[in-house]
Protein backbone atom coordinates (compact mmCIF):
# COMPACT_ATOMS: atom_id res chain seq x y z
CA MET A 1 -0.26 0.17 -0.04
CA GLY A 2 1.49 3.40 -0.66
CA GLN A 3 1.72 6.21 1.93
CA VAL A 4 2.86 9.20 -0.17
CA THR A 5 0.35 11.73 -0.37
CA ASP A 6 0.89 12.37 -3.72
CA ARG A 7 3.83 10.20 -5.94
CA ALA A 8 3.88 12.81 -8.95
CA ALA A 9 4.53 15.61 -6.38
CA ALA A 10 7.29 13.83 -4.75
CA GLU A 11 8.72 12.99 -8.25
CA ALA A 12 8.45 16.96 -9.10
CA ALA A 13 10.10 17.76 -6.00
CA GLY A 14 13.16 15.23 -6.67
CA MET A 15 12.21 12.96 -4.17
CA ASP A 16 11.73 8.76 -4.06
CA ALA A 17 8.36 8.07 -3.52
CA ASP A 18 9.17 4.51 -3.12
CA ARG A 19 11.91 5.22 -0.35
CA LEU A 20 9.37 7.87 1.78
CA ASP A 21 7.04 4.83 1.40
CA ALA A 22 9.34 2.17 2.92
CA LEU A 23 10.48 4.55 5.88
CA VAL A 24 6.59 4.91 6.89
CA ALA A 25 6.13 1.13 6.63
CA GLU A 26 9.11 0.67 8.87
CA LEU A 27 8.36 3.13 11.41
CA ASP A 28 5.05 1.74 11.69
CA ALA A 29 6.45 -1.78 11.54
CA THR A 30 9.03 -0.76 14.34
CA TYR A 31 6.86 1.37 16.67
CA VAL A 32 3.22 1.39 16.40
CA ALA A 33 2.39 -1.92 14.99
CA SER A 34 4.36 -3.36 17.68
CA GLY A 35 2.77 -1.45 20.64
CA LYS A 36 5.76 0.55 21.32
CA LEU A 37 4.03 3.82 20.14
CA PRO A 38 0.62 4.60 20.49
CA HIS A 39 0.21 6.52 17.19
CA MET A 40 2.34 8.43 14.56
CA HIS A 41 1.77 11.14 12.55
CA MET A 42 4.18 11.90 9.90
CA LEU A 43 4.34 15.02 7.56
CA VAL A 44 7.32 15.55 4.76
CA SER A 45 7.13 18.53 2.47
CA ARG A 46 9.82 20.38 0.34
CA ASP A 47 9.58 23.31 -1.39
CA GLU A 48 6.48 24.06 0.97
CA GLN A 49 4.66 20.94 -1.33
CA LEU A 50 3.38 18.28 0.91
CA LEU A 51 4.86 14.85 -0.12
CA LEU A 52 3.88 12.85 2.62
CA SER A 53 1.04 12.90 5.43
CA VAL A 54 0.18 9.84 6.96
CA VAL A 55 -1.46 8.54 10.48
CA ARG A 56 -1.05 5.10 12.11
CA GLY A 57 -2.43 3.56 15.37
CA ARG A 58 -4.77 4.74 18.24
CA ALA A 59 -5.62 8.37 19.51
CA ARG A 60 -7.06 6.93 22.48
CA GLU A 61 -7.04 4.17 24.80
CA ASP A 62 -10.19 2.81 24.05
CA GLY A 63 -8.93 1.97 20.43
CA ALA A 64 -10.50 5.20 18.44
CA PRO A 65 -7.98 5.74 15.31
CA LEU A 66 -5.99 8.55 14.88
CA ARG A 67 -7.02 11.22 12.81
CA HIS A 68 -5.31 14.06 10.82
CA ASP A 69 -6.67 16.74 12.76
CA ALA A 70 -5.73 15.06 15.79
CA LEU A 71 -4.56 17.23 18.55
CA TYR A 72 -1.50 16.90 20.63
CA ARG A 73 0.51 18.03 23.81
CA ILE A 74 3.69 19.47 21.62
CA ALA A 75 5.89 20.43 25.06
CA SER A 76 9.13 21.73 24.32
CA MET A 77 8.21 22.20 20.71
CA THR A 78 6.40 25.11 22.51
CA LYS A 79 10.00 26.92 22.58
CA PRO A 80 10.68 28.19 19.27
CA VAL A 81 7.04 29.93 18.92
CA THR A 82 8.33 31.74 22.28
CA SER A 83 11.50 32.42 20.77
CA VAL A 84 9.88 33.85 17.78
CA ALA A 85 7.92 35.96 19.84
CA PHE A 86 10.91 37.73 21.77
CA MET A 87 12.48 38.09 18.28
CA MET A 88 9.40 39.91 17.40
CA LEU A 89 9.89 41.93 20.20
CA VAL A 90 13.66 42.65 19.57
CA GLU A 91 12.77 43.79 15.80
CA GLN A 92 10.34 46.46 17.38
CA GLY A 93 13.55 47.65 19.95
CA LYS A 94 11.72 46.80 23.10
CA VAL A 95 14.73 44.49 24.20
CA ALA A 96 18.31 43.47 22.67
CA LEU A 97 19.97 39.94 22.96
CA ASP A 98 22.46 41.52 25.39
CA ASP A 99 20.22 43.08 27.54
CA PRO A 100 20.34 42.48 31.41
CA VAL A 101 17.49 40.14 31.92
CA THR A 102 17.41 42.13 35.33
CA ASP A 103 16.00 44.96 33.13
CA VAL A 104 12.82 43.34 32.92
CA ILE A 105 12.82 40.74 35.67
CA PRO A 106 14.33 42.57 38.63
CA GLU A 107 13.79 39.72 41.05
CA PHE A 108 17.00 37.93 39.34
CA ALA A 109 18.82 40.60 40.86
CA SER A 110 20.78 38.71 43.57
CA LEU A 111 20.86 35.31 42.13
CA ARG A 112 24.05 33.33 42.55
CA VAL A 113 25.62 30.15 42.12
CA GLY A 114 25.20 27.35 43.94
CA THR A 115 28.50 25.46 45.08
CA THR A 116 29.54 23.11 47.88
CA ASP A 117 30.70 25.63 50.30
CA GLY A 118 27.78 28.08 49.66
CA SER A 119 27.14 30.19 46.71
CA VAL A 120 29.20 32.89 44.44
CA PRO A 121 28.20 35.78 42.47
CA ALA A 122 27.02 35.28 39.33
CA ARG A 123 27.49 36.79 35.74
CA PRO A 124 24.81 39.20 35.01
CA MET A 125 22.41 36.92 32.94
CA GLN A 126 21.48 38.25 29.29
CA MET A 127 18.57 37.52 27.40
CA ILE A 128 20.63 35.42 24.68
CA ASP A 129 21.64 33.41 27.50
CA LEU A 130 17.83 32.10 28.09
CA MET A 131 17.48 31.77 24.06
CA ARG A 132 20.55 29.29 24.13
CA HIS A 133 20.14 27.67 27.63
CA THR A 134 23.22 29.16 28.95
CA SER A 135 21.56 30.84 31.71
CA GLY A 136 22.57 28.80 34.81
CA PHE A 137 18.95 27.62 35.40
CA THR A 138 17.90 23.85 35.27
CA TYR A 139 15.18 21.03 35.00
CA GLY A 140 14.15 19.19 37.95
CA LEU A 141 14.57 15.96 35.49
CA GLN A 142 18.00 16.33 34.94
CA ARG A 143 18.39 14.87 38.44
CA GLN A 144 21.75 15.56 38.96
CA THR A 145 22.58 18.37 41.63
CA PRO A 146 20.60 19.26 44.76
CA ILE A 147 19.33 22.40 43.12
CA ASP A 148 17.47 20.36 40.45
CA ALA A 149 16.07 18.39 43.09
CA ARG A 150 14.70 21.55 44.47
CA TYR A 151 13.12 22.14 40.96
CA ARG A 152 11.21 18.85 41.26
CA GLU A 153 10.31 19.36 45.16
CA LEU A 154 8.59 22.84 44.26
CA GLY A 155 6.87 21.49 40.50
CA LEU A 156 9.21 24.25 38.76
CA ASP A 157 9.36 21.62 35.45
CA GLU A 158 5.32 21.56 35.57
CA PHE A 159 3.21 22.48 32.45
CA GLN A 160 -0.01 23.22 34.81
CA GLN A 161 1.52 25.39 37.22
CA ARG A 162 -0.29 26.59 40.05
CA ARG A 163 1.54 29.71 40.42
CA THR A 164 1.12 32.99 38.41
CA SER A 165 4.09 33.95 36.30
CA ASP A 166 4.68 36.30 39.06
CA GLN A 167 5.34 33.77 41.51
CA PHE A 168 7.15 31.42 39.20
CA ILE A 169 9.45 33.94 38.71
CA ALA A 170 9.66 34.31 42.82
CA ALA A 171 10.02 30.69 42.70
CA LEU A 172 13.12 30.47 40.67
CA ALA A 173 14.70 33.90 42.36
CA GLY A 174 14.80 32.16 46.01
CA LEU A 175 17.13 29.17 44.03
CA PRO A 176 21.19 29.49 43.18
CA LEU A 177 22.07 28.90 39.85
CA GLU A 178 23.74 25.86 38.51
CA PHE A 179 26.68 28.10 36.97
CA SER A 180 27.35 31.43 35.93
CA PRO A 181 25.56 32.40 32.68
CA GLY A 182 27.10 32.19 29.60
CA ASP A 183 29.86 29.61 30.96
CA GLN A 184 27.88 25.80 30.10
CA TRP A 185 24.57 25.01 28.17
CA ASN A 186 21.89 23.41 30.51
CA TYR A 187 18.31 22.58 28.98
CA SER A 188 16.19 24.29 31.51
CA VAL A 189 13.30 26.22 32.28
CA SER A 190 14.76 29.32 30.41
CA THR A 191 12.45 29.55 27.98
CA ASP A 192 9.38 29.63 30.69
CA VAL A 193 11.44 32.78 31.79
CA LEU A 194 11.49 34.38 28.45
CA GLY A 195 7.85 33.43 27.71
CA VAL A 196 7.75 36.02 31.39
CA VAL A 197 10.29 38.30 29.79
CA VAL A 198 7.52 38.98 26.87
CA GLU A 199 4.68 39.33 28.54
CA ARG A 200 6.06 42.23 30.69
CA LEU A 201 7.49 43.85 27.53
CA SER A 202 4.45 43.57 25.97
CA GLY A 203 1.50 44.00 28.74
CA LEU A 204 -0.04 40.89 26.91
CA ASP A 205 -0.40 37.26 28.47
CA LEU A 206 1.56 34.84 26.45
CA GLU A 207 -1.85 33.39 24.84
CA ALA A 208 -2.97 36.80 23.87
CA PHE A 209 0.60 37.35 22.38
CA PHE A 210 0.67 34.38 20.48
CA GLN A 211 -2.83 34.58 19.20
CA GLN A 212 -2.80 38.00 18.09
CA ARG A 213 1.10 38.33 16.60
CA ILE A 214 1.53 34.68 15.49
CA PHE A 215 -1.14 32.32 15.15
CA ALA A 216 -4.09 34.42 13.80
CA PRO A 217 -1.17 35.92 10.86
CA LEU A 218 -0.12 32.55 10.25
CA GLY A 219 -3.53 30.98 10.14
CA MET A 220 -3.15 28.54 13.06
CA THR A 221 -6.79 28.23 14.20
CA ASP A 222 -5.69 24.78 16.39
CA THR A 223 -2.91 26.02 18.82
CA THR A 224 -3.63 27.37 22.06
CA PHE A 225 -2.08 26.78 25.75
CA MET A 226 -6.17 25.68 26.95
CA LEU A 227 -8.12 22.87 24.90
CA PRO A 228 -11.71 24.17 24.39
CA ASP A 229 -14.57 22.03 25.08
CA ALA A 230 -15.11 22.05 21.24
CA LYS A 231 -12.20 20.43 20.46
CA ALA A 232 -11.75 17.99 22.97
CA ASP A 233 -12.76 15.20 20.81
CA ARG A 234 -9.70 15.95 18.38
CA MET A 235 -7.26 15.40 21.64
CA THR A 236 -5.13 12.14 21.99
CA ASP A 237 -4.39 10.27 24.90
CA ALA A 238 -0.85 10.79 26.17
CA TRP A 239 0.85 7.47 27.13
CA ARG A 240 4.15 6.69 29.31
CA LEU A 241 6.68 3.87 29.76
CA ASP A 242 5.60 1.39 32.71
CA GLU A 243 8.17 -0.30 34.45
CA GLY A 244 7.11 -3.46 32.52
CA GLY A 245 8.22 -1.85 29.28
CA GLY A 246 4.40 -1.43 28.07
CA ILE A 247 2.73 1.88 27.73
CA VAL A 248 0.13 3.14 29.77
CA VAL A 249 -2.06 6.44 29.85
CA ALA A 250 -0.61 9.25 31.60
CA ASP A 251 -3.35 11.99 30.44
CA HIS A 252 -6.38 11.25 29.08
CA GLY A 253 -7.48 13.12 25.90
CA ALA A 254 -11.30 13.66 26.81
CA ARG A 255 -10.87 14.81 30.95
CA SER A 256 -7.26 16.12 29.88
CA ALA A 257 -5.03 18.55 32.13
CA TRP A 258 -4.95 21.15 29.10
CA ARG A 259 -8.71 21.39 29.01
CA ARG A 260 -8.04 23.49 32.90
CA THR A 261 -7.15 27.15 32.66
CA GLY A 262 -4.03 27.71 34.10
CA CYS A 263 -2.76 30.58 36.13
CA PHE A 264 0.81 30.44 34.08
CA HIS A 265 1.36 29.89 30.33
CA SER A 266 4.37 27.99 30.27
CA GLY A 267 6.15 29.43 26.91
CA GLY A 268 8.80 26.28 27.53
CA GLY A 269 6.20 23.74 26.96
CA GLY A 270 2.58 24.68 27.21
CA LEU A 271 0.93 24.74 23.86
CA VAL A 272 -1.71 21.94 22.33
CA SER A 273 -1.55 21.64 18.32
CA SER A 274 -1.99 19.92 15.18
CA VAL A 275 0.53 18.82 12.39
CA ALA A 276 -1.11 21.25 9.96
CA ASP A 277 -0.52 24.25 12.55
CA TYR A 278 2.76 23.41 13.02
CA HIS A 279 3.48 23.01 9.47
CA ARG A 280 2.12 26.48 8.97
CA PHE A 281 4.66 27.81 11.69
CA ALA A 282 7.45 25.86 10.19
CA ARG A 283 6.75 27.24 6.62
CA MET A 284 7.02 30.62 7.94
CA LEU A 285 10.34 29.58 9.49
CA LEU A 286 11.68 28.20 6.25
CA ARG A 287 10.23 31.35 4.30
CA GLU A 288 12.89 33.23 6.51
CA GLY A 289 10.12 34.67 8.66
CA GLU A 290 6.85 35.40 5.87
CA LEU A 291 3.74 33.09 5.05
CA ASP A 292 0.77 33.98 3.13
CA GLY A 293 1.39 37.74 3.04
CA ALA A 294 2.04 37.84 6.50
CA ARG A 295 5.54 38.66 7.70
CA LEU A 296 6.30 37.78 11.09
CA LEU A 297 10.29 38.59 11.34
CA ALA A 298 12.69 39.77 8.56
CA PRO A 299 14.65 37.42 6.83
CA GLU A 300 18.16 38.37 8.64
CA THR A 301 16.61 37.77 12.04
CA VAL A 302 15.40 34.16 11.11
CA ARG A 303 19.42 33.29 9.75
CA ARG A 304 20.27 34.38 12.86
CA MET A 305 18.02 32.08 15.06
CA ARG A 306 19.49 29.15 13.15
CA THR A 307 22.80 30.09 13.43
CA ASN A 308 25.03 28.71 16.04
CA GLN A 309 25.08 30.87 18.91
CA LEU A 310 27.02 28.86 21.81
CA PRO A 311 29.69 30.63 23.09
CA GLY A 312 32.99 30.13 21.05
CA GLY A 313 30.92 28.38 18.30
CA GLY A 314 31.11 25.35 20.42
CA ASP A 315 29.18 22.60 20.62
CA LEU A 316 26.61 21.14 22.75
CA ALA A 317 29.34 17.98 23.39
CA SER A 318 31.99 20.56 24.74
CA LEU A 319 29.64 23.01 26.87
CA SER A 320 26.70 21.04 28.07
CA ARG A 321 25.91 19.67 31.41
CA ALA A 322 22.59 18.46 30.89
CA MET A 323 21.86 14.65 31.22
CA PHE A 324 18.29 15.06 29.34
CA SER A 325 17.57 17.29 26.02
CA GLU A 326 15.82 16.97 23.19
CA ALA A 327 18.82 17.10 20.90
CA ASP A 328 22.14 14.89 20.70
CA TYR A 329 25.61 16.68 21.40
CA GLN A 330 28.44 15.79 18.94
CA GLY A 331 28.53 18.55 16.03
CA VAL A 332 25.34 20.36 17.26
CA GLY A 333 25.16 23.67 17.79
CA PHE A 334 22.47 25.64 19.48
CA GLY A 335 20.69 29.06 18.05
CA LEU A 336 17.88 31.16 19.46
CA GLY A 337 15.10 28.96 19.61
CA PHE A 338 16.22 25.55 18.73
CA ALA A 339 19.64 23.54 17.77
CA MET A 340 21.21 22.83 14.68
CA GLY A 341 23.63 20.51 12.70
CA LEU A 342 27.02 22.27 12.50
CA ALA A 343 27.61 20.71 9.10
CA SER A 344 24.43 20.42 7.79
CA GLY A 345 22.68 23.73 9.02
CA GLU A 346 19.28 21.45 9.61
CA TYR A 347 17.59 22.83 12.44
CA TYR A 348 15.04 21.19 14.48
CA TRP A 349 13.64 20.78 18.23
CA GLY A 350 10.99 17.94 19.98
CA GLY A 351 9.21 17.86 23.13
CA VAL A 352 9.36 15.21 25.89
CA PHE A 353 6.00 13.68 24.41
CA SER A 354 8.11 12.56 21.35
CA THR A 355 6.73 14.91 19.29
CA TYR A 356 9.67 16.23 16.84
CA PHE A 357 9.95 18.81 13.76
CA TRP A 358 12.96 19.63 11.74
CA ILE A 359 13.72 22.20 8.43
CA ASP A 360 16.58 21.66 6.24
CA PRO A 361 17.20 25.28 4.39
CA VAL A 362 19.26 23.83 1.81
CA GLN A 363 16.90 21.03 0.81
CA ARG A 364 14.28 22.82 1.55
CA LEU A 365 12.68 20.45 3.39
CA ILE A 366 10.28 20.08 6.54
CA GLY A 367 9.58 17.02 8.25
CA ILE A 368 6.93 17.05 11.42
CA PHE A 369 6.70 13.84 13.49
CA MET A 370 3.76 13.62 15.73
CA THR A 371 2.83 11.12 18.68
CA GLN A 372 2.32 10.99 22.72
CA HIS A 373 4.83 8.84 24.82
CA LEU A 374 6.89 9.65 27.63
CA PRO A 375 9.68 10.06 27.39
CA SER A 376 11.08 11.01 24.18
CA SER A 377 14.08 9.32 25.06
CA THR A 378 13.01 5.75 24.69
CA TYR A 379 13.35 4.98 20.94
CA PRO A 380 15.71 6.52 18.57
CA VAL A 381 12.75 7.35 16.12
CA ARG A 382 14.25 11.11 15.32
CA ALA A 383 17.20 9.80 14.30
CA ARG A 384 15.80 7.42 11.78
CA LEU A 385 13.24 9.94 10.81
CA ARG A 386 15.57 12.23 9.32
CA GLN A 387 17.77 9.86 7.79
CA GLY A 388 15.19 7.98 6.14
CA VAL A 389 13.89 11.37 4.57
CA ALA A 390 17.58 12.20 3.39
CA ASP A 391 18.26 8.97 1.76
CA ALA A 392 14.99 9.58 -0.20
CA ILE A 393 16.32 12.67 -1.89
CA VAL A 394 17.34 12.20 -5.56
CA LYS A 395 17.75 16.26 -6.59
CA ARG A 396 19.94 18.11 -4.65
CA PRO A 397 20.09 21.88 -5.56
């Protein structure tokens, strides 16, 4: 059975339809049919032409099949959206990458670096440190230090915070940093803090800013922090790996935690979206800031975002202290909101529910993979997906 949406379009785009079909069949057999993943929605486009969009598996525990318009918890795929929002404010002249974070969040004025002997003063944190995860913040899920243990105790990783944004900032301000900003790379709540910066600078909460400045102009009608009742039937269940190696439901779509209004909008991981919506967001990035006449960012801004911004031009292997992130480390840089291959120029990110996207600006490719399985590090789906699509390219620029 062929899976390519339009074999003629694949041929015209310089892609091997049979190889794409084989990749879908492989991923289906290895992960979905085997029960390792509950479902998958895979999309591939080149030059913005849709070549492949297939769904496999069950959306919910009751066996309901996955739909093309299913809604997913995209978790850290929220981070690129928040990063775009911040760069829009940079272009407006409201903030600069080298501005001290304390200009907007004065609560951080007394931040210090934790050590075995107490703490030492930290280098002032800059906005760029939030965007590239060199802030010194962490995630509780890193499980390496007494500091990340406090993050777990305080629930600072949780998508549905019971705190307001001000209370979230106050909780962070009371904890030491893992390192002085700019010294290392550590996957963290940095983008949640960046979301608060966007709110304070714009005077809008993050939901309103996203809807007015990003989602409405791009025609992203299904992306939001809270799942509307009218769309609840489209929300997938989310599964997690159990101790026996099977999967159990972690969040039911029908009564999902995302159906409740929260006190805090997580710029680091709170959005619900669809494959179609995120493809529109990715197309805007591929087109360097514009889609269907709506320009969000200047081309040079997008190019800067997908350029390695790590100190000294290093890679994650040399600078990272994280035990967990949504990227590999060797030969991988980090820009302003996502990782990129230093050799290939591809840029990408994923989420803890195993969602993933990548953009190849040279080959003009976009790939999106949606499923709902915790944790995202369980299976090497992402690497196989990118390699399989690359192997299907028969004509290069």
